[in-house]
C-alpha atoms as a PDB file:
ATOM      1  CA  MET A   1      -7.461  10.441   5.357  1.00  0.00           C
ATOM      2  CA  ALA A   2      -7.986   7.865   8.036  1.00  0.00           C
ATOM      3  CA  ARG A   3      -6.776   4.693   6.304  1.00  0.00           C
ATOM      4  CA  VAL A   4      -3.337   4.859   4.713  1.00  0.00           C
ATOM      5  CA  ALA A   5      -0.462   2.570   3.780  1.00  0.00           C
ATOM      6  CA  ALA A   6       3.175   3.037   2.834  1.00  0.00           C
ATOM      7  CA  ILE A   7       5.473   0.667   0.967  1.00  0.00           C
ATOM      8  CA  ASP A   8       9.288   0.871   1.083  1.00  0.00           C
ATOM      9  CA  ILE A   9      10.273  -1.035  -2.047  1.00  0.00           C
ATOM     10  CA  ALA A  10      13.541  -2.886  -2.608  1.00  0.00           C
ATOM     11  CA  LYS A  11      14.628  -5.157  -5.466  1.00  0.00           C
ATOM     12  CA  ALA A  12      12.992  -8.387  -4.254  1.00  0.00           C
ATOM     13  CA  SER A  13      10.557  -7.210  -1.572  1.00  0.00           C
ATOM     14  CA  GLY A  14       8.574  -4.386  -0.070  1.00  0.00           C
ATOM     15  CA  MET A  15       8.074  -3.387   3.567  1.00  0.00           C
ATOM     16  CA  VAL A  16       4.434  -2.395   4.099  1.00  0.00           C
ATOM     17  CA  CYS A  17       3.119  -0.170   6.882  1.00  0.00           C
ATOM     18  CA  LEU A  18      -0.649   0.079   7.378  1.00  0.00           C
ATOM     19  CA  ARG A  19      -2.245   2.727   9.643  1.00  0.00           C
ATOM     20  CA  VAL A  20      -5.960   2.547  10.368  1.00  0.00           C
ATOM     21  CA  PRO A  21      -8.253   3.836  13.141  1.00  0.00           C
ATOM     22  CA  HIS A  22      -8.521   1.702  16.289  1.00  0.00           C
ATOM     23  CA  ASP A  23     -11.685  -0.420  16.361  1.00  0.00           C
ATOM     24  CA  THR A  24     -12.843   0.607  19.845  1.00  0.00           C
ATOM     25  CA  ILE A  25     -10.838   3.633  21.031  1.00  0.00           C
ATOM     26  CA  GLU A  26     -11.794   6.830  19.242  1.00  0.00           C
ATOM     27  CA  GLY A  27      -8.857   8.994  18.189  1.00  0.00           C
ATOM     28  CA  ARG A  28      -6.359   6.097  18.402  1.00  0.00           C
ATOM     29  CA  ARG A  29      -4.676   4.436  15.449  1.00  0.00           C
ATOM     30  CA  VAL A  30      -3.357   0.937  14.866  1.00  0.00           C
ATOM     31  CA  GLN A  31      -0.177   0.335  12.903  1.00  0.00           C
ATOM     32  CA  GLN A  32       0.866  -2.947  11.290  1.00  0.00           C
ATOM     33  CA  GLY A  33       4.055  -3.675   9.401  1.00  0.00           C
ATOM     34  CA  TRP A  34       5.033  -6.675   7.306  1.00  0.00           C
ATOM     35  CA  ASN A  35       7.307  -7.703   4.460  1.00  0.00           C
ATOM     36  CA  VAL A  36       6.024  -8.852   1.045  1.00  0.00           C
ATOM     37  CA  ALA A  37       7.851 -10.406  -1.888  1.00  0.00           C
ATOM     38  CA  SER A  38       8.001  -8.541  -5.206  1.00  0.00           C
ATOM     39  CA  THR A  39       6.128 -11.243  -7.113  1.00  0.00           C
ATOM     40  CA  THR A  40       2.942 -10.741  -9.104  1.00  0.00           C
ATOM     41  CA  ASN A  41       0.716 -12.981  -6.965  1.00  0.00           C
ATOM     42  CA  VAL A  42       1.927 -11.535  -3.673  1.00  0.00           C
ATOM     43  CA  ILE A  43       1.506  -7.942  -4.873  1.00  0.00           C
ATOM     44  CA  LEU A  44      -2.039  -8.714  -6.055  1.00  0.00           C
ATOM     45  CA  GLU A  45      -2.808 -10.288  -2.648  1.00  0.00           C
ATOM     46  CA  LEU A  46      -1.468  -7.132  -1.011  1.00  0.00           C
ATOM     47  CA  GLY A  47      -3.829  -5.067  -3.151  1.00  0.00           C
ATOM     48  CA  ASP A  48      -6.776  -7.200  -2.018  1.00  0.00           C
ATOM     49  CA  ARG A  49      -5.734  -6.782   1.613  1.00  0.00           C
ATOM     50  CA  LEU A  50      -5.455  -3.008   1.271  1.00  0.00           C
ATOM     51  CA  VAL A  51      -8.880  -2.797  -0.375  1.00  0.00           C
ATOM     52  CA  CYS A  52     -10.414  -4.978   2.377  1.00  0.00           C
ATOM     53  CA  GLN A  53      -8.899  -2.637   4.989  1.00  0.00           C
ATOM     54  CA  GLY A  54     -10.475   0.359   3.243  1.00  0.00           C
ATOM     55  CA  VAL A  55      -7.130   2.017   2.482  1.00  0.00           C
ATOM     56  CA  GLU A  56      -7.657   5.417   0.845  1.00  0.00           C
ATOM     57  CA  ARG A  57      -4.074   6.282  -0.083  1.00  0.00           C
ATOM     58  CA  VAL A  58      -0.859   4.344  -0.638  1.00  0.00           C
ATOM     59  CA  VAL A  59       2.551   5.990  -0.842  1.00  0.00           C
ATOM     60  CA  MET A  60       5.658   4.268  -2.160  1.00  0.00           C
ATOM     61  CA  GLU A  61       9.371   4.863  -1.784  1.00  0.00           C
ATOM     62  CA  ALA A  62      11.857   3.069  -4.010  1.00  0.00           C
ATOM     63  CA  THR A  63      15.258   3.392  -5.608  1.00  0.00           C
ATOM     64  CA  GLY A  64      15.458   2.936  -9.347  1.00  0.00           C
ATOM     65  CA  ASN A  65      12.615   1.208 -11.167  1.00  0.00           C
ATOM     66  CA  TYR A  66      11.695  -1.270  -8.431  1.00  0.00           C
ATOM     67  CA  TRP A  67       8.421   0.596  -7.795  1.00  0.00           C
ATOM     68  CA  ARG A  68       7.010  -0.329 -11.202  1.00  0.00           C
ATOM     69  CA  PRO A  69       5.570  -3.808 -10.412  1.00  0.00           C
ATOM     70  CA  PHE A  70       3.914  -2.510  -7.245  1.00  0.00           C
ATOM     71  CA  PHE A  71       2.501   0.569  -8.939  1.00  0.00           C
ATOM     72  CA  TYR A  72       1.182  -1.106 -12.086  1.00  0.00           C
ATOM     73  CA  LEU A  73      -0.272  -4.139 -10.276  1.00  0.00           C
ATOM     74  CA  LEU A  74      -1.872  -2.130  -7.464  1.00  0.00           C
ATOM     75  CA  TRP A  75      -3.059   0.946  -9.341  1.00  0.00           C
ATOM     76  CA  LYS A  76      -6.767   0.511  -9.896  1.00  0.00           C
ATOM     77  CA  PRO A  77      -8.770   3.740 -10.127  1.00  0.00           C
ATOM     78  CA  ALA A  78     -11.943   2.029  -8.887  1.00  0.00           C
ATOM     79  CA  ALA A  79     -10.205   0.342  -5.953  1.00  0.00           C
ATOM     80  CA  PHE A  80      -8.805   3.434  -4.218  1.00  0.00           C
ATOM     81  CA  GLY A  81     -11.347   6.149  -4.890  1.00  0.00           C
ATOM     82  CA  ALA A  82     -10.161   8.188  -7.863  1.00  0.00           C
ATOM     83  CA  GLY A  83      -6.823   6.363  -8.037  1.00  0.00           C
ATOM     84  CA  TRP A  84      -3.346   7.322  -6.982  1.00  0.00           C
ATOM     85  CA  SER A  85      -1.327  10.263  -8.095  1.00  0.00           C
ATOM     86  CA  THR A  86       1.433   9.901 -10.634  1.00  0.00           C
ATOM     87  CA  PRO A  87       4.634   8.677  -8.914  1.00  0.00           C
ATOM     88  CA  VAL A  88       7.240  11.273  -8.060  1.00  0.00           C
ATOM     89  CA  THR A  89      10.582  10.361  -9.565  1.00  0.00           C
END
């Protein structure tokens, strides 16, 4: 998988890391990191951004139930190929 993202989820926010191939240098990757709020609109905007970047897989790490808003708002079987796997708890 060439285009992946990871989200470290806390109570009020999530730290996102995106890794995609470099535009001009073959074999190189570009990594971006940013913080997002755990609000419905922001999570939906994150989903749009990940789809626009062609992300194929998203992994999440969270304590407790804080992963739920991210998972249920982002999980769209049509958006990320066949969809994501069931979360590991």
